[in-house]
PDB file of N, CA and C in Angstrom:
ATOM      1  N   MET A   1      40.521 -15.681 -17.410  1.00  0.00           N
ATOM      2  CA  MET A   1      39.747 -16.477 -16.836  1.00  0.00           C
ATOM      3  C   MET A   1      39.092 -17.861 -17.209  1.00  0.00           C
ATOM      4  N   MET A   2      39.661 -18.841 -16.915  1.00  0.00           N
ATOM      5  CA  MET A   2      39.178 -20.321 -17.265  1.00  0.00           C
ATOM      6  C   MET A   2      37.816 -20.241 -16.229  1.00  0.00           C
ATOM      7  N   ILE A   3      36.637 -21.000 -17.404  1.00  0.00           N
ATOM      8  CA  ILE A   3      35.487 -21.516 -16.543  1.00  0.00           C
ATOM      9  C   ILE A   3      35.308 -22.999 -16.097  1.00  0.00           C
ATOM     10  N   HIS A   4      34.445 -23.310 -15.417  1.00  0.00           N
ATOM     11  CA  HIS A   4      34.359 -24.791 -15.119  1.00  0.00           C
ATOM     12  C   HIS A   4      34.075 -25.736 -16.235  1.00  0.00           C
ATOM     13  N   PRO A   5      34.847 -26.722 -16.505  1.00  0.00           N
ATOM     14  CA  PRO A   5      34.410 -27.591 -17.397  1.00  0.00           C
ATOM     15  C   PRO A   5      32.727 -27.946 -17.720  1.00  0.00           C
ATOM     16  N   LYS A   6      32.415 -28.021 -16.928  1.00  0.00           N
ATOM     17  CA  LYS A   6      30.691 -28.536 -17.020  1.00  0.00           C
ATOM     18  C   LYS A   6      30.195 -26.908 -17.455  1.00  0.00           C
ATOM     19  N   ASN A   7      30.724 -25.596 -16.876  1.00  0.00           N
ATOM     20  CA  ASN A   7      30.222 -24.470 -17.616  1.00  0.00           C
ATOM     21  C   ASN A   7      30.530 -24.624 -19.324  1.00  0.00           C
ATOM     22  N   PHE A   8      31.521 -24.794 -19.406  1.00  0.00           N
ATOM     23  CA  PHE A   8      32.210 -24.825 -20.828  1.00  0.00           C
ATOM     24  C   PHE A   8      31.026 -25.806 -21.552  1.00  0.00           C
ATOM     25  N   ARG A   9      31.139 -27.198 -20.774  1.00  0.00           N
ATOM     26  CA  ARG A   9      30.080 -27.737 -22.034  1.00  0.00           C
ATOM     27  C   ARG A   9      28.898 -27.189 -22.003  1.00  0.00           C
ATOM     28  N   ASP A  10      28.404 -26.569 -21.049  1.00  0.00           N
ATOM     29  CA  ASP A  10      26.684 -26.259 -21.135  1.00  0.00           C
ATOM     30  C   ASP A  10      26.709 -25.265 -22.186  1.00  0.00           C
ATOM     31  N   SER A  11      28.116 -24.404 -22.287  1.00  0.00           N
ATOM     32  CA  SER A  11      27.865 -23.128 -23.177  1.00  0.00           C
ATOM     33  C   SER A  11      27.900 -23.821 -24.665  1.00  0.00           C
ATOM     34  N   LEU A  12      28.105 -25.119 -25.077  1.00  0.00           N
ATOM     35  CA  LEU A  12      28.302 -25.627 -25.946  1.00  0.00           C
ATOM     36  C   LEU A  12      27.472 -26.396 -26.878  1.00  0.00           C
ATOM     37  N   GLU A  13      26.457 -26.796 -25.414  1.00  0.00           N
ATOM     38  CA  GLU A  13      25.719 -28.139 -25.787  1.00  0.00           C
ATOM     39  C   GLU A  13      24.428 -27.626 -26.685  1.00  0.00           C
ATOM     40  N   ASN A  14      24.079 -26.663 -27.084  1.00  0.00           N
ATOM     41  CA  ASN A  14      23.159 -26.548 -27.757  1.00  0.00           C
ATOM     42  C   ASN A  14      23.640 -26.187 -29.435  1.00  0.00           C
ATOM     43  N   LEU A  15      24.666 -26.293 -29.570  1.00  0.00           N
ATOM     44  CA  LEU A  15      25.467 -25.881 -30.621  1.00  0.00           C
ATOM     45  C   LEU A  15      25.408 -27.580 -31.759  1.00  0.00           C
ATOM     46  N   PRO A  16      25.262 -27.294 -33.096  1.00  0.00           N
ATOM     47  CA  PRO A  16      25.390 -28.101 -34.063  1.00  0.00           C
ATOM     48  C   PRO A  16      26.653 -29.168 -33.789  1.00  0.00           C
ATOM     49  N   LEU A  17      26.378 -30.213 -34.039  1.00  0.00           N
ATOM     50  CA  LEU A  17      27.683 -31.550 -33.830  1.00  0.00           C
ATOM     51  C   LEU A  17      28.919 -30.953 -34.798  1.00  0.00           C
ATOM     52  N   ASP A  18      28.605 -30.404 -35.976  1.00  0.00           N
ATOM     53  CA  ASP A  18      29.816 -29.533 -36.442  1.00  0.00           C
ATOM     54  C   ASP A  18      30.868 -28.749 -35.863  1.00  0.00           C
ATOM     55  N   LYS A  19      30.115 -27.652 -35.244  1.00  0.00           N
ATOM     56  CA  LYS A  19      30.406 -26.625 -34.453  1.00  0.00           C
ATOM     57  C   LYS A  19      31.410 -27.295 -33.525  1.00  0.00           C
ATOM     58  N   ILE A  20      30.671 -28.056 -32.650  1.00  0.00           N
ATOM     59  CA  ILE A  20      31.399 -28.882 -31.396  1.00  0.00           C
ATOM     60  C   ILE A  20      32.696 -29.554 -32.114  1.00  0.00           C
ATOM     61  N   ILE A  21      32.733 -30.068 -33.049  1.00  0.00           N
ATOM     62  CA  ILE A  21      33.728 -30.956 -33.255  1.00  0.00           C
ATOM     63  C   ILE A  21      34.919 -29.746 -33.743  1.00  0.00           C
ATOM     64  N   LYS A  22      34.434 -28.607 -34.047  1.00  0.00           N
ATOM     65  CA  LYS A  22      35.333 -27.534 -34.610  1.00  0.00           C
ATOM     66  C   LYS A  22      36.025 -27.299 -33.323  1.00  0.00           C
ATOM     67  N   GLU A  23      35.215 -27.138 -32.097  1.00  0.00           N
ATOM     68  CA  GLU A  23      35.830 -26.595 -31.112  1.00  0.00           C
ATOM     69  C   GLU A  23      36.487 -27.789 -30.228  1.00  0.00           C
ATOM     70  N   ARG A  24      36.278 -28.797 -30.683  1.00  0.00           N
ATOM     71  CA  ARG A  24      37.217 -29.718 -30.122  1.00  0.00           C
ATOM     72  C   ARG A  24      38.669 -30.070 -30.785  1.00  0.00           C
ATOM     73  N   ASP A  25      38.485 -29.735 -31.938  1.00  0.00           N
ATOM     74  CA  ASP A  25      39.768 -29.547 -32.946  1.00  0.00           C
ATOM     75  C   ASP A  25      40.757 -28.391 -32.423  1.00  0.00           C
ATOM     76  N   LYS A  26      39.745 -27.462 -32.116  1.00  0.00           N
ATOM     77  CA  LYS A  26      40.676 -25.788 -31.638  1.00  0.00           C
ATOM     78  C   LYS A  26      41.394 -26.237 -29.937  1.00  0.00           C
ATOM     79  N   ILE A  27      40.928 -27.017 -29.091  1.00  0.00           N
ATOM     80  CA  ILE A  27      41.479 -27.547 -28.105  1.00  0.00           C
ATOM     81  C   ILE A  27      42.470 -28.251 -28.416  1.00  0.00           C
ATOM     82  N   ILE A  28      42.228 -29.673 -29.204  1.00  0.00           N
ATOM     83  CA  ILE A  28      43.435 -30.515 -29.597  1.00  0.00           C
ATOM     84  C   ILE A  28      44.557 -29.684 -30.159  1.00  0.00           C
ATOM     85  N   ARG A  29      44.427 -28.819 -31.031  1.00  0.00           N
ATOM     86  CA  ARG A  29      45.552 -27.643 -31.455  1.00  0.00           C
ATOM     87  C   ARG A  29      46.341 -26.931 -30.201  1.00  0.00           C
ATOM     88  N   GLU A  30      45.823 -26.466 -29.339  1.00  0.00           N
ATOM     89  CA  GLU A  30      46.299 -25.621 -28.246  1.00  0.00           C
ATOM     90  C   GLU A  30      46.879 -26.717 -27.350  1.00  0.00           C
ATOM     91  N   ILE A  31      46.537 -28.131 -27.195  1.00  0.00           N
ATOM     92  CA  ILE A  31      47.005 -28.671 -26.263  1.00  0.00           C
ATOM     93  C   ILE A  31      48.229 -29.113 -26.937  1.00  0.00           C
ATOM     94  N   ARG A  32      48.467 -29.599 -28.048  1.00  0.00           N
ATOM     95  CA  ARG A  32      49.626 -30.138 -28.887  1.00  0.00           C
ATOM     96  C   ARG A  32      50.707 -28.884 -28.713  1.00  0.00           C
ATOM     97  N   ARG A  33      50.285 -27.469 -28.858  1.00  0.00           N
ATOM     98  CA  ARG A  33      51.061 -26.695 -29.057  1.00  0.00           C
ATOM     99  C   ARG A  33      51.737 -26.365 -27.850  1.00  0.00           C
ATOM    100  N   TYR A  34      50.994 -26.936 -26.736  1.00  0.00           N
ATOM    101  CA  TYR A  34      51.646 -26.606 -25.426  1.00  0.00           C
ATOM    102  C   TYR A  34      52.431 -27.955 -24.939  1.00  0.00           C
ATOM    103  N   GLU A  35      52.578 -29.181 -25.339  1.00  0.00           N
ATOM    104  CA  GLU A  35      53.089 -30.238 -25.352  1.00  0.00           C
ATOM    105  C   GLU A  35      54.355 -30.227 -26.346  1.00  0.00           C
ATOM    106  N   LYS A  36      54.666 -29.476 -27.372  1.00  0.00           N
ATOM    107  CA  LYS A  36      55.142 -29.537 -28.202  1.00  0.00           C
ATOM    108  C   LYS A  36      56.291 -28.308 -27.681  1.00  0.00           C
ATOM    109  N   GLY A  37      56.162 -27.226 -26.632  1.00  0.00           N
ATOM    110  CA  GLY A  37      56.643 -26.173 -26.340  1.00  0.00           C
ATOM    111  C   GLY A  37      56.706 -24.993 -26.934  1.00  0.00           C
ATOM    112  N   LYS A  38      55.901 -24.807 -27.692  1.00  0.00           N
ATOM    113  CA  LYS A  38      55.533 -23.806 -28.570  1.00  0.00           C
ATOM    114  C   LYS A  38      54.947 -22.697 -28.481  1.00  0.00           C
ATOM    115  N   ILE A  39      54.997 -22.726 -26.911  1.00  0.00           N
ATOM    116  CA  ILE A  39      54.177 -21.130 -26.364  1.00  0.00           C
ATOM    117  C   ILE A  39      55.212 -20.035 -25.907  1.00  0.00           C
ATOM    118  N   PRO A  40      54.846 -19.244 -26.844  1.00  0.00           N
ATOM    119  CA  PRO A  40      55.796 -17.880 -26.366  1.00  0.00           C
ATOM    120  C   PRO A  40      55.956 -17.573 -24.963  1.00  0.00           C
ATOM    121  N   GLU A  41      57.257 -17.069 -25.115  1.00  0.00           N
ATOM    122  CA  GLU A  41      57.778 -16.767 -23.672  1.00  0.00           C
ATOM    123  C   GLU A  41      57.180 -15.982 -23.005  1.00  0.00           C
ATOM    124  N   ASP A  42      56.594 -14.948 -23.510  1.00  0.00           N
ATOM    125  CA  ASP A  42      55.582 -13.900 -22.761  1.00  0.00           C
ATOM    126  C   ASP A  42      54.414 -14.570 -22.121  1.00  0.00           C
ATOM    127  N   ASP A  43      53.559 -15.498 -22.517  1.00  0.00           N
ATOM    128  CA  ASP A  43      52.507 -16.213 -22.285  1.00  0.00           C
ATOM    129  C   ASP A  43      52.518 -16.512 -20.940  1.00  0.00           C
ATOM    130  N   TYR A  44      54.058 -17.131 -20.250  1.00  0.00           N
ATOM    131  CA  TYR A  44      54.520 -17.347 -19.032  1.00  0.00           C
ATOM    132  C   TYR A  44      53.975 -16.393 -18.094  1.00  0.00           C
ATOM    133  N   MET A  45      54.087 -15.385 -18.124  1.00  0.00           N
ATOM    134  CA  MET A  45      53.755 -14.260 -17.624  1.00  0.00           C
ATOM    135  C   MET A  45      52.439 -13.973 -17.431  1.00  0.00           C
ATOM    136  N   MET A  46      51.254 -14.824 -18.396  1.00  0.00           N
ATOM    137  CA  MET A  46      50.158 -14.435 -18.283  1.00  0.00           C
ATOM    138  C   MET A  46      49.285 -15.154 -17.266  1.00  0.00           C
ATOM    139  N   ASP A  47      48.386 -14.874 -16.752  1.00  0.00           N
ATOM    140  CA  ASP A  47      47.330 -15.551 -15.620  1.00  0.00           C
ATOM    141  C   ASP A  47      46.539 -15.733 -16.041  1.00  0.00           C
ATOM    142  N   PRO A  48      45.859 -17.129 -16.455  1.00  0.00           N
ATOM    143  CA  PRO A  48      46.191 -18.420 -15.912  1.00  0.00           C
ATOM    144  C   PRO A  48      47.591 -18.416 -16.757  1.00  0.00           C
ATOM    145  N   SER A  49      48.084 -19.280 -16.105  1.00  0.00           N
ATOM    146  CA  SER A  49      49.453 -19.765 -16.656  1.00  0.00           C
ATOM    147  C   SER A  49      49.632 -20.855 -17.779  1.00  0.00           C
ATOM    148  N   PRO A  50      50.452 -21.005 -18.505  1.00  0.00           N
ATOM    149  CA  PRO A  50      49.857 -22.253 -19.353  1.00  0.00           C
ATOM    150  C   PRO A  50      49.757 -23.201 -19.211  1.00  0.00           C
ATOM    151  N   GLU A  51      50.466 -23.744 -18.112  1.00  0.00           N
ATOM    152  CA  GLU A  51      50.004 -25.066 -17.094  1.00  0.00           C
ATOM    153  C   GLU A  51      49.124 -25.049 -17.010  1.00  0.00           C
ATOM    154  N   THR A  52      48.442 -23.872 -16.599  1.00  0.00           N
ATOM    155  CA  THR A  52      46.850 -24.016 -15.870  1.00  0.00           C
ATOM    156  C   THR A  52      45.909 -23.905 -16.836  1.00  0.00           C
ATOM    157  N   VAL A  53      46.030 -23.454 -18.467  1.00  0.00           N
ATOM    158  CA  VAL A  53      45.195 -23.413 -19.512  1.00  0.00           C
ATOM    159  C   VAL A  53      45.495 -24.691 -19.962  1.00  0.00           C
ATOM    160  N   TYR A  54      46.982 -25.288 -19.915  1.00  0.00           N
ATOM    161  CA  TYR A  54      46.849 -26.495 -20.429  1.00  0.00           C
ATOM    162  C   TYR A  54      45.887 -27.692 -19.834  1.00  0.00           C
ATOM    163  N   MET A  55      45.959 -27.926 -18.278  1.00  0.00           N
ATOM    164  CA  MET A  55      45.019 -28.603 -17.579  1.00  0.00           C
ATOM    165  C   MET A  55      43.460 -28.449 -17.737  1.00  0.00           C
ATOM    166  N   MET A  56      43.317 -27.403 -17.912  1.00  0.00           N
ATOM    167  CA  MET A  56      41.801 -27.036 -17.814  1.00  0.00           C
ATOM    168  C   MET A  56      41.846 -27.380 -19.710  1.00  0.00           C
ATOM    169  N   ASN A  57      42.357 -27.473 -20.657  1.00  0.00           N
ATOM    170  CA  ASN A  57      41.890 -27.532 -21.751  1.00  0.00           C
ATOM    171  C   ASN A  57      41.687 -29.136 -22.114  1.00  0.00           C
ATOM    172  N   ASN A  58      42.631 -30.032 -21.093  1.00  0.00           N
ATOM    173  CA  ASN A  58      42.063 -31.417 -20.852  1.00  0.00           C
ATOM    174  C   ASN A  58      41.052 -31.887 -20.627  1.00  0.00           C
ATOM    175  N   LEU A  59      40.639 -30.766 -19.525  1.00  0.00           N
ATOM    176  CA  LEU A  59      39.362 -31.395 -18.907  1.00  0.00           C
ATOM    177  C   LEU A  59      38.215 -30.585 -20.120  1.00  0.00           C
ATOM    178  N   TYR A  60      38.560 -29.697 -20.286  1.00  0.00           N
ATOM    179  CA  TYR A  60      37.396 -29.295 -21.551  1.00  0.00           C
ATOM    180  C   TYR A  60      37.495 -30.602 -22.869  1.00  0.00           C
ATOM    181  N   LEU A  61      38.326 -30.855 -23.231  1.00  0.00           N
ATOM    182  CA  LEU A  61      38.559 -31.871 -24.051  1.00  0.00           C
ATOM    183  C   LEU A  61      37.456 -32.966 -23.514  1.00  0.00           C
ATOM    184  N   ALA A  62      37.545 -33.511 -22.558  1.00  0.00           N
ATOM    185  CA  ALA A  62      37.141 -34.255 -22.120  1.00  0.00           C
ATOM    186  C   ALA A  62      35.780 -34.125 -21.767  1.00  0.00           C
ATOM    187  N   GLU A  63      35.062 -33.257 -21.730  1.00  0.00           N
ATOM    188  CA  GLU A  63      33.604 -32.643 -21.761  1.00  0.00           C
ATOM    189  C   GLU A  63      33.347 -32.707 -23.183  1.00  0.00           C
ATOM    190  N   LEU A  64      33.828 -32.055 -24.285  1.00  0.00           N
ATOM    191  CA  LEU A  64      33.601 -32.149 -25.401  1.00  0.00           C
ATOM    192  C   LEU A  64      33.209 -33.813 -26.025  1.00  0.00           C
ATOM    193  N   CYS A  65      34.336 -34.396 -25.824  1.00  0.00           N
ATOM    194  CA  CYS A  65      34.373 -35.940 -26.293  1.00  0.00           C
ATOM    195  C   CYS A  65      33.139 -36.585 -25.698  1.00  0.00           C
ATOM    196  N   ASN A  66      32.917 -36.308 -24.252  1.00  0.00           N
ATOM    197  CA  ASN A  66      31.140 -37.118 -24.109  1.00  0.00           C
ATOM    198  C   ASN A  66      30.269 -36.210 -24.506  1.00  0.00           C
ATOM    199  N   LEU A  67      30.063 -34.688 -24.669  1.00  0.00           N
ATOM    200  CA  LEU A  67      29.097 -34.312 -25.715  1.00  0.00           C
ATOM    201  C   LEU A  67      29.034 -34.603 -27.082  1.00  0.00           C
ATOM    202  N   ILE A  68      30.050 -34.931 -27.351  1.00  0.00           N
ATOM    203  CA  ILE A  68      30.052 -35.463 -29.048  1.00  0.00           C
ATOM    204  C   ILE A  68      29.452 -36.924 -29.102  1.00  0.00           C
ATOM    205  N   TYR A  69      29.511 -37.618 -28.225  1.00  0.00           N
ATOM    206  CA  TYR A  69      29.028 -38.931 -27.742  1.00  0.00           C
ATOM    207  C   TYR A  69      27.814 -39.049 -27.632  1.00  0.00           C
ATOM    208  N   GLU A  70      27.421 -38.399 -27.290  1.00  0.00           N
ATOM    209  CA  GLU A  70      25.745 -38.338 -26.315  1.00  0.00           C
ATOM    210  C   GLU A  70      25.226 -37.853 -27.906  1.00  0.00           C
ATOM    211  N   LYS A  71      25.604 -36.567 -28.483  1.00  0.00           N
ATOM    212  CA  LYS A  71      24.960 -36.149 -29.464  1.00  0.00           C
ATOM    213  C   LYS A  71      24.842 -37.081 -30.623  1.00  0.00           C
ATOM    214  N   LYS A  72      26.065 -37.785 -30.829  1.00  0.00           N
ATOM    215  CA  LYS A  72      25.766 -39.179 -32.099  1.00  0.00           C
ATOM    216  C   LYS A  72      25.186 -40.247 -31.603  1.00  0.00           C
ATOM    217  N   LYS A  73      25.008 -40.296 -30.540  1.00  0.00           N
ATOM    218  CA  LYS A  73      24.187 -41.415 -30.182  1.00  0.00           C
ATOM    219  C   LYS A  73      22.733 -41.240 -30.061  1.00  0.00           C
ATOM    220  N   GLU A  74      22.411 -39.771 -29.805  1.00  0.00           N
ATOM    221  CA  GLU A  74      21.059 -39.201 -29.724  1.00  0.00           C
ATOM    222  C   GLU A  74      20.579 -39.234 -31.387  1.00  0.00           C
ATOM    223  N   ALA A  75      21.484 -38.505 -32.548  1.00  0.00           N
ATOM    224  CA  ALA A  75      21.242 -38.774 -33.574  1.00  0.00           C
ATOM    225  C   ALA A  75      20.904 -39.979 -34.437  1.00  0.00           C
ATOM    226  N   ASP A  76      21.623 -41.144 -33.696  1.00  0.00           N
ATOM    227  CA  ASP A  76      21.352 -42.524 -34.052  1.00  0.00           C
ATOM    228  C   ASP A  76      20.018 -42.889 -33.566  1.00  0.00           C
ATOM    229  N   GLU A  77      20.036 -42.346 -32.644  1.00  0.00           N
ATOM    230  CA  GLU A  77      18.526 -43.095 -31.858  1.00  0.00           C
ATOM    231  C   GLU A  77      17.032 -42.658 -32.736  1.00  0.00           C
ATOM    232  N   TYR A  78      17.462 -41.958 -33.679  1.00  0.00           N
ATOM    233  CA  TYR A  78      16.170 -40.832 -34.808  1.00  0.00           C
ATOM    234  C   TYR A  78      16.085 -41.334 -35.920  1.00  0.00           C
TER     235      TYR A  78
END
Protein backbone atom coordinates (compact mmCIF):
# COMPACT_ATOMS: atom_id res chain seq x y z
CA MET A 1 0.00 0.00 0.00
CA MET A 2 1.33 3.39 -0.98
CA ILE A 3 0.91 6.39 1.29
CA HIS A 4 0.24 9.97 0.31
CA PRO A 5 3.46 11.86 -0.55
CA LYS A 6 2.81 14.40 2.23
CA ASN A 7 2.44 11.61 4.79
CA PHE A 8 5.64 10.04 3.45
CA ARG A 9 7.46 13.32 3.96
CA ASP A 10 5.98 13.78 7.42
CA SER A 11 7.20 10.32 8.42
CA LEU A 12 10.80 11.34 7.61
CA GLU A 13 10.76 14.97 8.68
CA ASN A 14 12.39 14.43 12.07
CA LEU A 15 15.22 12.25 10.78
CA PRO A 16 18.74 13.63 10.48
CA LEU A 17 19.73 14.92 7.06
CA ASP A 18 22.02 11.96 6.30
CA LYS A 19 19.14 9.49 6.81
CA ILE A 20 16.87 11.54 4.55
CA ILE A 21 19.56 11.57 1.86
CA LYS A 22 19.89 7.78 2.15
CA GLU A 23 16.13 7.43 1.66
CA ARG A 24 16.31 9.74 -1.37
CA ASP A 25 19.11 7.65 -2.86
CA LYS A 26 17.09 4.46 -2.31
CA ILE A 27 14.13 5.93 -4.16
CA ILE A 28 16.36 7.09 -7.02
CA ARG A 29 17.71 3.52 -7.35
CA GLU A 30 14.14 2.16 -7.49
CA ILE A 31 13.17 4.72 -10.14
CA ARG A 32 16.21 3.86 -12.27
CA ARG A 33 15.53 0.14 -11.91
CA TYR A 34 12.02 0.65 -13.28
CA GLU A 35 13.18 2.94 -16.10
CA LYS A 36 15.80 0.41 -17.19
CA GLY A 37 13.17 -2.33 -17.33
CA LYS A 38 14.76 -4.35 -14.55
CA ILE A 39 11.52 -5.17 -12.78
CA PRO A 40 11.01 -8.93 -12.32
CA GLU A 41 8.05 -10.25 -14.30
CA ASP A 42 6.35 -11.46 -11.10
CA ASP A 43 6.25 -7.88 -9.80
CA TYR A 44 3.80 -6.97 -12.56
CA MET A 45 1.20 -9.11 -10.79
CA MET A 46 1.54 -7.22 -7.51
CA ASP A 47 -0.75 -4.52 -6.22
CA PRO A 48 0.07 -1.69 -6.56
CA SER A 49 1.54 -2.21 -10.00
CA PRO A 50 5.15 -1.30 -10.80
CA GLU A 51 3.82 1.67 -12.79
CA THR A 52 1.98 2.98 -9.74
CA VAL A 53 5.03 2.44 -7.53
CA TYR A 54 7.15 4.29 -10.10
CA MET A 55 4.77 7.25 -10.23
CA MET A 56 4.54 7.42 -6.43
CA ASN A 57 8.32 7.17 -6.09
CA ASN A 58 8.63 10.25 -8.29
CA LEU A 59 6.23 12.12 -6.01
CA TYR A 60 8.12 10.88 -2.94
CA LEU A 61 11.38 12.01 -4.50
CA ALA A 62 10.00 15.51 -5.00
CA GLU A 63 8.93 15.66 -1.35
CA LEU A 64 12.34 14.43 -0.18
CA CYS A 65 14.21 16.93 -2.34
CA ASN A 66 12.12 19.76 -0.88
CA LEU A 67 12.69 18.43 2.64
CA ILE A 68 16.46 18.24 2.04
CA TYR A 69 16.43 21.80 0.73
CA GLU A 70 14.53 23.04 3.78
CA LYS A 71 16.80 21.19 6.23
CA LYS A 72 19.94 22.55 4.51
CA LYS A 73 18.50 26.07 4.49
CA GLU A 74 17.59 25.78 8.18
CA ALA A 75 21.08 24.54 9.04
CA ASP A 76 22.66 27.45 7.15
CA GLU A 77 20.61 29.96 9.14
CA TYR A 78 22.21 28.89 12.42
